Amino acid sequence: MHMSHNYASRLAERLIVVKYGGNAMPANGPDPVLAELAELWRAGTPIVLVHGGGPAIDAALSARGIVTERVDGLRVTDAATLEVTEAALCGTVNKALVRSLNVLTTPAVGVSGQDGGMLIADQMRATSGADLGFVGTVVRVETLLLRSLLAAGYLPVVAPLAVTTDGAYALNVNADLAAAAIAGALRAHAFVQVTNVSHVLRDPNDASSWIERLSLAEAADFFHSSACQSGMKPKVQAAIDAVAAGSKAAYVCSSKVRAISRALSGESTVIA
């Protein structure tokens, strides 16, 4: 299926790529983020949803007695951990999101970064040089599958597993960075990271120190500062990556009611 350049640019004018973190998802009850995505979809906004699933992976690993080790905040992934991760992300979490969106009359289709060779990754090493196992860093995004689904009127829901260049095996990819690579490759109008905070904070201990806007250079400076801690690091890195790779702007917002619309209209940290 060949997309005209015109179609691709029209799509990018409105497309939003949303990263939804496993920690931000409600354990039960209504999900305000999915309800808002359904509303945006009905209003004619093309959407690609990329999800994490840390809590589901942790639960599945501990149920099987597999102990998780982390280096630089990344899960060290051996073959057994990869198998559980793939089942939890591509099966449990992905299909639960697809069902929930379908209930909201939004035609969702669940895929992983392995489908159609969408996310090609190289094995990643920790900054310390430690071997992380089956953990990847995205080197290429093949957007044809996503563009085809969007053109046919579907909302793609993407699990962040990638495939090696030779296609031989899967790699676990940080969901923020997988989403950023997709947002950049699709030249998305907006890359929105839904997380458990509504803004990036200058002082992680002061909720009123939120940052309204950062240029790419300012975001890079902030990333290397002591204020950018643990869980915020991959978020800021992902925002920088998305914008550097071609997305118009990146936003960090919370999972509260109508958070995405509010973020797009200014109630968030914007990196552009």
C-alpha atoms as a PDB file:
ATOM      1  CA  MET A   1       0.000   0.000   0.000  1.00  0.00           C
ATOM      2  CA  HIS A   2       1.694   3.201  -1.095  1.00  0.00           C
ATOM      3  CA  MET A   3       1.017   6.393   0.847  1.00  0.00           C
ATOM      4  CA  SER A   4       1.183   9.613  -1.100  1.00  0.00           C
ATOM      5  CA  HIS A   5       3.444  12.295   0.325  1.00  0.00           C
ATOM      6  CA  ASN A   6       0.376  14.513   0.537  1.00  0.00           C
ATOM      7  CA  TYR A   7      -1.482  11.969   2.674  1.00  0.00           C
ATOM      8  CA  ALA A   8       1.561  11.525   4.922  1.00  0.00           C
ATOM      9  CA  SER A   9       1.902  15.261   5.546  1.00  0.00           C
ATOM     10  CA  ARG A  10      -1.846  15.695   6.134  1.00  0.00           C
ATOM     11  CA  LEU A  11      -1.716  12.848   8.640  1.00  0.00           C
ATOM     12  CA  ALA A  12       1.265  14.348  10.474  1.00  0.00           C
ATOM     13  CA  GLU A  13      -0.534  17.681  10.824  1.00  0.00           C
ATOM     14  CA  ARG A  14      -2.968  16.130  13.306  1.00  0.00           C
ATOM     15  CA  LEU A  15      -1.396  12.864  14.438  1.00  0.00           C
ATOM     16  CA  ILE A  16      -0.662  12.404  18.116  1.00  0.00           C
ATOM     17  CA  VAL A  17       1.526   9.614  19.451  1.00  0.00           C
ATOM     18  CA  VAL A  18       0.694   8.863  23.080  1.00  0.00           C
ATOM     19  CA  LYS A  19       2.969   6.950  25.454  1.00  0.00           C
ATOM     20  CA  TYR A  20       0.931   5.474  28.305  1.00  0.00           C
ATOM     21  CA  GLY A  21       2.992   4.188  31.215  1.00  0.00           C
ATOM     22  CA  GLY A  22       2.080   1.019  33.067  1.00  0.00           C
ATOM     23  CA  ASN A  23       2.417   2.909  36.361  1.00  0.00           C
ATOM     24  CA  ALA A  24      -0.138   5.513  35.230  1.00  0.00           C
ATOM     25  CA  MET A  25      -2.846   2.954  34.362  1.00  0.00           C
ATOM     26  CA  PRO A  26      -5.643   2.443  36.916  1.00  0.00           C
ATOM     27  CA  ALA A  27      -5.697  -1.042  38.471  1.00  0.00           C
ATOM     28  CA  ASN A  28      -9.459  -1.205  37.973  1.00  0.00           C
ATOM     29  CA  GLY A  29     -12.446   1.004  37.179  1.00  0.00           C
ATOM     30  CA  PRO A  30     -12.812   3.527  34.353  1.00  0.00           C
ATOM     31  CA  ASP A  31      -9.694   4.737  32.582  1.00  0.00           C
ATOM     32  CA  PRO A  32      -9.782   8.519  31.942  1.00  0.00           C
ATOM     33  CA  VAL A  33      -6.895   8.363  29.464  1.00  0.00           C
ATOM     34  CA  LEU A  34      -8.597   5.811  27.206  1.00  0.00           C
ATOM     35  CA  ALA A  35     -11.904   7.683  27.487  1.00  0.00           C
ATOM     36  CA  GLU A  36     -10.150  10.844  26.313  1.00  0.00           C
ATOM     37  CA  LEU A  37      -8.368   9.039  23.467  1.00  0.00           C
ATOM     38  CA  ALA A  38     -11.752   7.719  22.280  1.00  0.00           C
ATOM     39  CA  GLU A  39     -13.137  11.264  22.400  1.00  0.00           C
ATOM     40  CA  LEU A  40     -10.166  12.708  20.460  1.00  0.00           C
ATOM     41  CA  TRP A  41     -10.496   9.854  17.957  1.00  0.00           C
ATOM     42  CA  ARG A  42     -14.202  10.588  17.399  1.00  0.00           C
ATOM     43  CA  ALA A  43     -13.273  14.227  16.800  1.00  0.00           C
ATOM     44  CA  GLY A  44     -11.042  13.105  13.918  1.00  0.00           C
ATOM     45  CA  THR A  45      -7.591  12.978  15.546  1.00  0.00           C
ATOM     46  CA  PRO A  46      -5.381  10.138  14.276  1.00  0.00           C
ATOM     47  CA  ILE A  47      -3.716   8.470  17.288  1.00  0.00           C
ATOM     48  CA  VAL A  48      -1.005   5.880  17.861  1.00  0.00           C
ATOM     49  CA  LEU A  49      -0.910   4.554  21.440  1.00  0.00           C
ATOM     50  CA  VAL A  50       2.372   3.072  22.697  1.00  0.00           C
ATOM     51  CA  HIS A  51       2.156   1.436  26.120  1.00  0.00           C
ATOM     52  CA  GLY A  52       4.426   0.230  28.890  1.00  0.00           C
ATOM     53  CA  GLY A  53       3.525  -2.376  31.453  1.00  0.00           C
ATOM     54  CA  GLY A  54       6.082  -2.500  34.249  1.00  0.00           C
ATOM     55  CA  PRO A  55       3.633  -3.591  36.988  1.00  0.00           C
ATOM     56  CA  ALA A  56       2.201  -6.423  34.826  1.00  0.00           C
ATOM     57  CA  ILE A  57       5.713  -7.619  33.977  1.00  0.00           C
ATOM     58  CA  ASP A  58       6.786  -7.476  37.643  1.00  0.00           C
ATOM     59  CA  ALA A  59       3.705  -9.468  38.693  1.00  0.00           C
ATOM     60  CA  ALA A  60       4.245 -12.104  35.997  1.00  0.00           C
ATOM     61  CA  LEU A  61       7.947 -12.440  36.877  1.00  0.00           C
ATOM     62  CA  SER A  62       7.357 -12.774  40.611  1.00  0.00           C
ATOM     63  CA  ALA A  63       4.600 -15.333  39.965  1.00  0.00           C
ATOM     64  CA  ARG A  64       7.275 -17.421  38.238  1.00  0.00           C
ATOM     65  CA  GLY A  65       9.878 -16.718  40.911  1.00  0.00           C
ATOM     66  CA  ILE A  66      12.140 -14.770  38.548  1.00  0.00           C
ATOM     67  CA  VAL A  67      14.137 -12.072  40.341  1.00  0.00           C
ATOM     68  CA  THR A  68      14.586  -8.792  38.457  1.00  0.00           C
ATOM     69  CA  GLU A  69      17.858  -6.955  38.473  1.00  0.00           C
ATOM     70  CA  ARG A  70      18.108  -3.376  37.283  1.00  0.00           C
ATOM     71  CA  VAL A  71      21.109  -1.443  35.959  1.00  0.00           C
ATOM     72  CA  ASP A  72      20.739   2.322  35.330  1.00  0.00           C
ATOM     73  CA  GLY A  73      16.972   1.895  35.837  1.00  0.00           C
ATOM     74  CA  LEU A  74      16.778  -0.660  33.003  1.00  0.00           C
ATOM     75  CA  ARG A  75      15.578  -4.210  33.553  1.00  0.00           C
ATOM     76  CA  VAL A  76      18.321  -6.769  32.917  1.00  0.00           C
ATOM     77  CA  THR A  77      16.577  -9.184  30.553  1.00  0.00           C
ATOM     78  CA  ASP A  78      17.684 -12.811  30.244  1.00  0.00           C
ATOM     79  CA  ALA A  79      15.854 -15.317  27.998  1.00  0.00           C
ATOM     80  CA  ALA A  80      13.294 -16.275  30.674  1.00  0.00           C
ATOM     81  CA  THR A  81      12.617 -12.616  31.530  1.00  0.00           C
ATOM     82  CA  LEU A  82      12.191 -11.789  27.837  1.00  0.00           C
ATOM     83  CA  GLU A  83       9.629 -14.561  27.421  1.00  0.00           C
ATOM     84  CA  VAL A  84       7.577 -13.284  30.376  1.00  0.00           C
ATOM     85  CA  THR A  85       7.972  -9.647  29.250  1.00  0.00           C
ATOM     86  CA  GLU A  86       6.753 -10.462  25.747  1.00  0.00           C
ATOM     87  CA  ALA A  87       3.737 -12.375  27.105  1.00  0.00           C
ATOM     88  CA  ALA A  88       2.803  -9.607  29.568  1.00  0.00           C
ATOM     89  CA  LEU A  89       3.260  -6.709  27.122  1.00  0.00           C
ATOM     90  CA  CYS A  90       2.043  -8.200  23.825  1.00  0.00           C
ATOM     91  CA  GLY A  91      -0.608 -10.386  25.457  1.00  0.00           C
ATOM     92  CA  THR A  92      -2.005  -9.195  28.764  1.00  0.00           C
ATOM     93  CA  VAL A  93      -1.502  -5.412  28.660  1.00  0.00           C
ATOM     94  CA  ASN A  94      -1.866  -4.868  24.919  1.00  0.00           C
ATOM     95  CA  LYS A  95      -5.090  -6.858  24.627  1.00  0.00           C
ATOM     96  CA  ALA A  96      -6.630  -5.291  27.752  1.00  0.00           C
ATOM     97  CA  LEU A  97      -6.077  -1.833  26.193  1.00  0.00           C
ATOM     98  CA  VAL A  98      -7.506  -3.007  22.855  1.00  0.00           C
ATOM     99  CA  ARG A  99     -10.631  -4.404  24.569  1.00  0.00           C
ATOM    100  CA  SER A 100     -11.124  -1.226  26.607  1.00  0.00           C
ATOM    101  CA  LEU A 101     -10.851   0.985  23.502  1.00  0.00           C
ATOM    102  CA  ASN A 102     -13.174  -1.284  21.535  1.00  0.00           C
ATOM    103  CA  VAL A 103     -15.745  -0.989  24.358  1.00  0.00           C
ATOM    104  CA  LEU A 104     -15.423   2.794  23.902  1.00  0.00           C
ATOM    105  CA  THR A 105     -16.304   2.172  20.213  1.00  0.00           C
ATOM    106  CA  THR A 106     -12.788   3.012  19.051  1.00  0.00           C
ATOM    107  CA  PRO A 107     -11.436   0.534  16.458  1.00  0.00           C
ATOM    108  CA  ALA A 108      -8.172  -0.410  18.175  1.00  0.00           C
ATOM    109  CA  VAL A 109      -5.677  -2.922  16.763  1.00  0.00           C
ATOM    110  CA  GLY A 110      -2.912  -4.335  18.939  1.00  0.00           C
ATOM    111  CA  VAL A 111       0.537  -4.851  17.429  1.00  0.00           C
ATOM    112  CA  SER A 112       4.076  -4.971  18.764  1.00  0.00           C
ATOM    113  CA  GLY A 113       7.187  -3.333  17.385  1.00  0.00           C
ATOM    114  CA  GLN A 114       8.050  -6.747  15.939  1.00  0.00           C
ATOM    115  CA  ASP A 115       5.076  -6.719  13.551  1.00  0.00           C
ATOM    116  CA  GLY A 116       5.995  -5.683  10.024  1.00  0.00           C
ATOM    117  CA  GLY A 117       9.561  -5.147  11.269  1.00  0.00           C
ATOM    118  CA  MET A 118       8.354  -1.851  12.755  1.00  0.00           C
ATOM    119  CA  LEU A 119      11.039  -1.380  15.405  1.00  0.00           C
ATOM    120  CA  ILE A 120      14.533  -2.555  14.496  1.00  0.00           C
ATOM    121  CA  ALA A 121      16.908  -2.466  17.458  1.00  0.00           C
ATOM    122  CA  ASP A 122      20.492  -3.200  18.412  1.00  0.00           C
ATOM    123  CA  GLN A 123      21.427  -4.753  21.709  1.00  0.00           C
ATOM    124  CA  MET A 124      22.052  -2.057  24.271  1.00  0.00           C
ATOM    125  CA  ARG A 125      24.733  -1.916  26.920  1.00  0.00           C
ATOM    126  CA  ALA A 126      24.452  -0.032  30.190  1.00  0.00           C
ATOM    127  CA  THR A 127      26.509   3.185  30.498  1.00  0.00           C
ATOM    128  CA  SER A 128      28.730   1.213  32.882  1.00  0.00           C
ATOM    129  CA  GLY A 129      29.320  -1.288  30.055  1.00  0.00           C
ATOM    130  CA  ALA A 130      27.295  -3.964  31.878  1.00  0.00           C
ATOM    131  CA  ASP A 131      25.456  -6.491  29.704  1.00  0.00           C
ATOM    132  CA  LEU A 132      21.690  -5.929  29.913  1.00  0.00           C
ATOM    133  CA  GLY A 133      20.798  -9.075  27.969  1.00  0.00           C
ATOM    134  CA  PHE A 134      17.856  -8.829  25.572  1.00  0.00           C
ATOM    135  CA  VAL A 135      17.445  -5.047  25.870  1.00  0.00           C
ATOM    136  CA  GLY A 136      17.447  -2.984  22.710  1.00  0.00           C
ATOM    137  CA  THR A 137      17.949   0.531  21.495  1.00  0.00           C
ATOM    138  CA  VAL A 138      15.890   1.413  18.401  1.00  0.00           C
ATOM    139  CA  VAL A 139      17.989   2.060  15.306  1.00  0.00           C
ATOM    140  CA  ARG A 140      15.251   2.190  12.672  1.00  0.00           C
ATOM    141  CA  VAL A 141      11.481   2.556  12.454  1.00  0.00           C
ATOM    142  CA  GLU A 142       9.532   1.089   9.520  1.00  0.00           C
ATOM    143  CA  THR A 143       6.285   3.091   9.553  1.00  0.00           C
ATOM    144  CA  LEU A 144       4.339   1.333   6.763  1.00  0.00           C
ATOM    145  CA  LEU A 145       2.246  -0.884   9.070  1.00  0.00           C
ATOM    146  CA  LEU A 146       1.222   2.066  11.288  1.00  0.00           C
ATOM    147  CA  ARG A 147       0.456   4.305   8.308  1.00  0.00           C
ATOM    148  CA  SER A 148      -1.619   1.518   6.724  1.00  0.00           C
ATOM    149  CA  LEU A 149      -3.632   0.976   9.915  1.00  0.00           C
ATOM    150  CA  LEU A 150      -4.199   4.719  10.360  1.00  0.00           C
ATOM    151  CA  ALA A 151      -5.229   5.110   6.706  1.00  0.00           C
ATOM    152  CA  ALA A 152      -7.728   2.271   7.135  1.00  0.00           C
ATOM    153  CA  GLY A 153      -9.263   4.017  10.157  1.00  0.00           C
ATOM    154  CA  TYR A 154      -7.728   2.027  13.010  1.00  0.00           C
ATOM    155  CA  LEU A 155      -6.078   3.175  16.235  1.00  0.00           C
ATOM    156  CA  PRO A 156      -2.829   1.180  16.574  1.00  0.00           C
ATOM    157  CA  VAL A 157      -1.903   0.072  20.113  1.00  0.00           C
ATOM    158  CA  VAL A 158       1.806  -0.755  20.164  1.00  0.00           C
ATOM    159  CA  ALA A 159       3.706  -2.967  22.631  1.00  0.00           C
ATOM    160  CA  PRO A 160       7.350  -1.821  22.867  1.00  0.00           C
ATOM    161  CA  LEU A 161       9.163  -4.950  21.753  1.00  0.00           C
ATOM    162  CA  ALA A 162      11.601  -4.639  18.885  1.00  0.00           C
ATOM    163  CA  VAL A 163      13.311  -7.116  16.640  1.00  0.00           C
ATOM    164  CA  THR A 164      17.013  -7.450  15.806  1.00  0.00           C
ATOM    165  CA  THR A 165      18.264  -6.362  12.371  1.00  0.00           C
ATOM    166  CA  ASP A 166      18.344  -9.973  11.165  1.00  0.00           C
ATOM    167  CA  GLY A 167      14.844 -10.511  12.577  1.00  0.00           C
ATOM    168  CA  ALA A 168      16.068 -13.500  14.582  1.00  0.00           C
ATOM    169  CA  TYR A 169      15.019 -12.474  18.067  1.00  0.00           C
ATOM    170  CA  ALA A 170      13.091  -9.942  20.095  1.00  0.00           C
ATOM    171  CA  LEU A 171      14.521  -7.169  22.242  1.00  0.00           C
ATOM    172  CA  ASN A 172      12.817  -5.395  25.116  1.00  0.00           C
ATOM    173  CA  VAL A 173      12.858  -1.613  24.544  1.00  0.00           C
ATOM    174  CA  ASN A 174      12.158   1.146  27.063  1.00  0.00           C
ATOM    175  CA  ALA A 175       8.580   2.182  26.210  1.00  0.00           C
ATOM    176  CA  ASP A 176       9.332   5.929  26.415  1.00  0.00           C
ATOM    177  CA  LEU A 177      12.146   5.584  23.892  1.00  0.00           C
ATOM    178  CA  ALA A 178      10.148   3.242  21.618  1.00  0.00           C
ATOM    179  CA  ALA A 179       7.276   5.760  21.589  1.00  0.00           C
ATOM    180  CA  ALA A 180       9.693   8.631  20.891  1.00  0.00           C
ATOM    181  CA  ALA A 181      11.202   6.788  17.915  1.00  0.00           C
ATOM    182  CA  ILE A 182       7.703   6.173  16.499  1.00  0.00           C
ATOM    183  CA  ALA A 183       6.630   9.809  17.057  1.00  0.00           C
ATOM    184  CA  GLY A 184       9.759  11.062  15.306  1.00  0.00           C
ATOM    185  CA  ALA A 185       9.454   8.660  12.371  1.00  0.00           C
ATOM    186  CA  LEU A 186       5.776   9.540  11.838  1.00  0.00           C
ATOM    187  CA  ARG A 187       6.621  13.282  12.150  1.00  0.00           C
ATOM    188  CA  ALA A 188       3.807  13.478  14.699  1.00  0.00           C
ATOM    189  CA  HIS A 189       2.136  16.792  15.426  1.00  0.00           C
ATOM    190  CA  ALA A 190       2.483  15.927  19.121  1.00  0.00           C
ATOM    191  CA  PHE A 191       4.209  13.299  21.238  1.00  0.00           C
ATOM    192  CA  VAL A 192       2.403  13.055  24.579  1.00  0.00           C
ATOM    193  CA  GLN A 193       3.838  11.115  27.510  1.00  0.00           C
ATOM    194  CA  VAL A 194       1.156  10.248  30.049  1.00  0.00           C
ATOM    195  CA  THR A 195       2.865   9.587  33.348  1.00  0.00           C
ATOM    196  CA  ASN A 196       2.245   9.919  37.079  1.00  0.00           C
ATOM    197  CA  VAL A 197       3.289  13.601  37.152  1.00  0.00           C
ATOM    198  CA  SER A 198       1.656  16.489  35.320  1.00  0.00           C
ATOM    199  CA  HIS A 199       4.858  18.412  34.568  1.00  0.00           C
ATOM    200  CA  VAL A 200       8.601  18.215  34.574  1.00  0.00           C
ATOM    201  CA  LEU A 201       9.818  19.824  37.816  1.00  0.00           C
ATOM    202  CA  ARG A 202      12.931  21.985  38.282  1.00  0.00           C
ATOM    203  CA  ASP A 203      13.044  20.723  41.870  1.00  0.00           C
ATOM    204  CA  PRO A 204      11.698  17.169  42.203  1.00  0.00           C
ATOM    205  CA  ASN A 205      10.627  17.920  45.799  1.00  0.00           C
ATOM    206  CA  ASP A 206       8.687  21.081  44.956  1.00  0.00           C
ATOM    207  CA  ALA A 207       5.452  20.552  43.020  1.00  0.00           C
ATOM    208  CA  SER A 208       5.225  24.287  42.251  1.00  0.00           C
ATOM    209  CA  SER A 209       8.578  24.309  40.413  1.00  0.00           C
ATOM    210  CA  TRP A 210       7.094  23.037  37.179  1.00  0.00           C
ATOM    211  CA  ILE A 211       8.604  23.901  33.840  1.00  0.00           C
ATOM    212  CA  GLU A 212       6.321  25.247  31.137  1.00  0.00           C
ATOM    213  CA  ARG A 213       8.549  25.126  28.080  1.00  0.00           C
ATOM    214  CA  LEU A 214      12.018  23.905  27.118  1.00  0.00           C
ATOM    215  CA  SER A 215      13.903  24.222  23.859  1.00  0.00           C
ATOM    216  CA  LEU A 216      15.881  21.178  22.717  1.00  0.00           C
ATOM    217  CA  ALA A 217      19.093  22.729  24.063  1.00  0.00           C
ATOM    218  CA  GLU A 218      17.467  23.606  27.419  1.00  0.00           C
ATOM    219  CA  ALA A 219      16.013  20.115  27.669  1.00  0.00           C
ATOM    220  CA  ALA A 220      19.469  18.618  27.075  1.00  0.00           C
ATOM    221  CA  ASP A 221      20.951  20.842  29.812  1.00  0.00           C
ATOM    222  CA  PHE A 222      18.144  19.871  32.180  1.00  0.00           C
ATOM    223  CA  PHE A 223      18.640  16.171  31.375  1.00  0.00           C
ATOM    224  CA  HIS A 224      22.251  16.392  32.589  1.00  0.00           C
ATOM    225  CA  SER A 225      21.357  18.357  35.743  1.00  0.00           C
ATOM    226  CA  SER A 226      20.833  16.862  39.205  1.00  0.00           C
ATOM    227  CA  ALA A 227      17.156  17.919  39.120  1.00  0.00           C
ATOM    228  CA  CYS A 228      16.412  15.348  36.422  1.00  0.00           C
ATOM    229  CA  GLN A 229      16.145  12.190  38.490  1.00  0.00           C
ATOM    230  CA  SER A 230      15.390   8.471  38.016  1.00  0.00           C
ATOM    231  CA  GLY A 231      11.993   8.042  36.310  1.00  0.00           C
ATOM    232  CA  MET A 232      12.058  11.542  34.779  1.00  0.00           C
ATOM    233  CA  LYS A 233      15.323  10.847  32.926  1.00  0.00           C
ATOM    234  CA  PRO A 234      13.921   8.511  30.245  1.00  0.00           C
ATOM    235  CA  LYS A 235      10.895  10.841  29.850  1.00  0.00           C
ATOM    236  CA  VAL A 236      13.052  13.893  29.129  1.00  0.00           C
ATOM    237  CA  GLN A 237      15.374  11.802  26.939  1.00  0.00           C
ATOM    238  CA  ALA A 238      12.341  10.508  25.006  1.00  0.00           C
ATOM    239  CA  ALA A 239      10.952  14.020  24.521  1.00  0.00           C
ATOM    240  CA  ILE A 240      14.329  15.201  23.185  1.00  0.00           C
ATOM    241  CA  ASP A 241      14.622  12.154  20.888  1.00  0.00           C
ATOM    242  CA  ALA A 242      11.102  12.579  19.473  1.00  0.00           C
ATOM    243  CA  VAL A 243      11.557  16.259  18.629  1.00  0.00           C
ATOM    244  CA  ALA A 244      15.100  15.774  17.303  1.00  0.00           C
ATOM    245  CA  ALA A 245      13.818  12.970  15.043  1.00  0.00           C
ATOM    246  CA  GLY A 246      10.946  14.956  13.539  1.00  0.00           C
ATOM    247  CA  SER A 247       7.973  15.254  15.909  1.00  0.00           C
ATOM    248  CA  LYS A 248       6.749  18.858  16.168  1.00  0.00           C
ATOM    249  CA  ALA A 249       6.561  18.982  19.961  1.00  0.00           C
ATOM    250  CA  ALA A 250       6.676  16.712  22.998  1.00  0.00           C
ATOM    251  CA  TYR A 251       4.501  17.020  26.096  1.00  0.00           C
ATOM    252  CA  VAL A 252       4.670  15.450  29.551  1.00  0.00           C
ATOM    253  CA  CYS A 253       1.332  15.243  31.374  1.00  0.00           C
ATOM    254  CA  SER A 254      -0.548  13.260  34.023  1.00  0.00           C
ATOM    255  CA  SER A 255      -3.244  10.597  33.626  1.00  0.00           C
ATOM    256  CA  LYS A 256      -6.004  12.800  35.065  1.00  0.00           C
ATOM    257  CA  VAL A 257      -9.311  13.457  33.297  1.00  0.00           C
ATOM    258  CA  ARG A 258      -8.808  15.319  29.982  1.00  0.00           C
ATOM    259  CA  ALA A 259      -5.076  15.593  30.718  1.00  0.00           C
ATOM    260  CA  ILE A 260      -4.076  15.181  27.057  1.00  0.00           C
ATOM    261  CA  SER A 261      -6.328  17.962  25.738  1.00  0.00           C
ATOM    262  CA  ARG A 262      -5.197  20.181  28.598  1.00  0.00           C
ATOM    263  CA  ALA A 263      -1.574  19.343  27.867  1.00  0.00           C
ATOM    264  CA  LEU A 264      -1.969  20.219  24.193  1.00  0.00           C
ATOM    265  CA  SER A 265      -3.515  23.536  25.174  1.00  0.00           C
ATOM    266  CA  GLY A 266      -0.647  24.404  27.524  1.00  0.00           C
ATOM    267  CA  GLU A 267      -1.154  22.643  30.862  1.00  0.00           C
ATOM    268  CA  SER A 268       2.019  20.580  30.653  1.00  0.00           C
ATOM    269  CA  THR A 269       5.730  20.781  30.035  1.00  0.00           C
ATOM    270  CA  VAL A 270       6.350  21.306  26.322  1.00  0.00           C
ATOM    271  CA  ILE A 271       9.632  20.523  24.600  1.00  0.00           C
ATOM    272  CA  ALA A 272       9.769  21.998  21.116  1.00  0.00           C
END
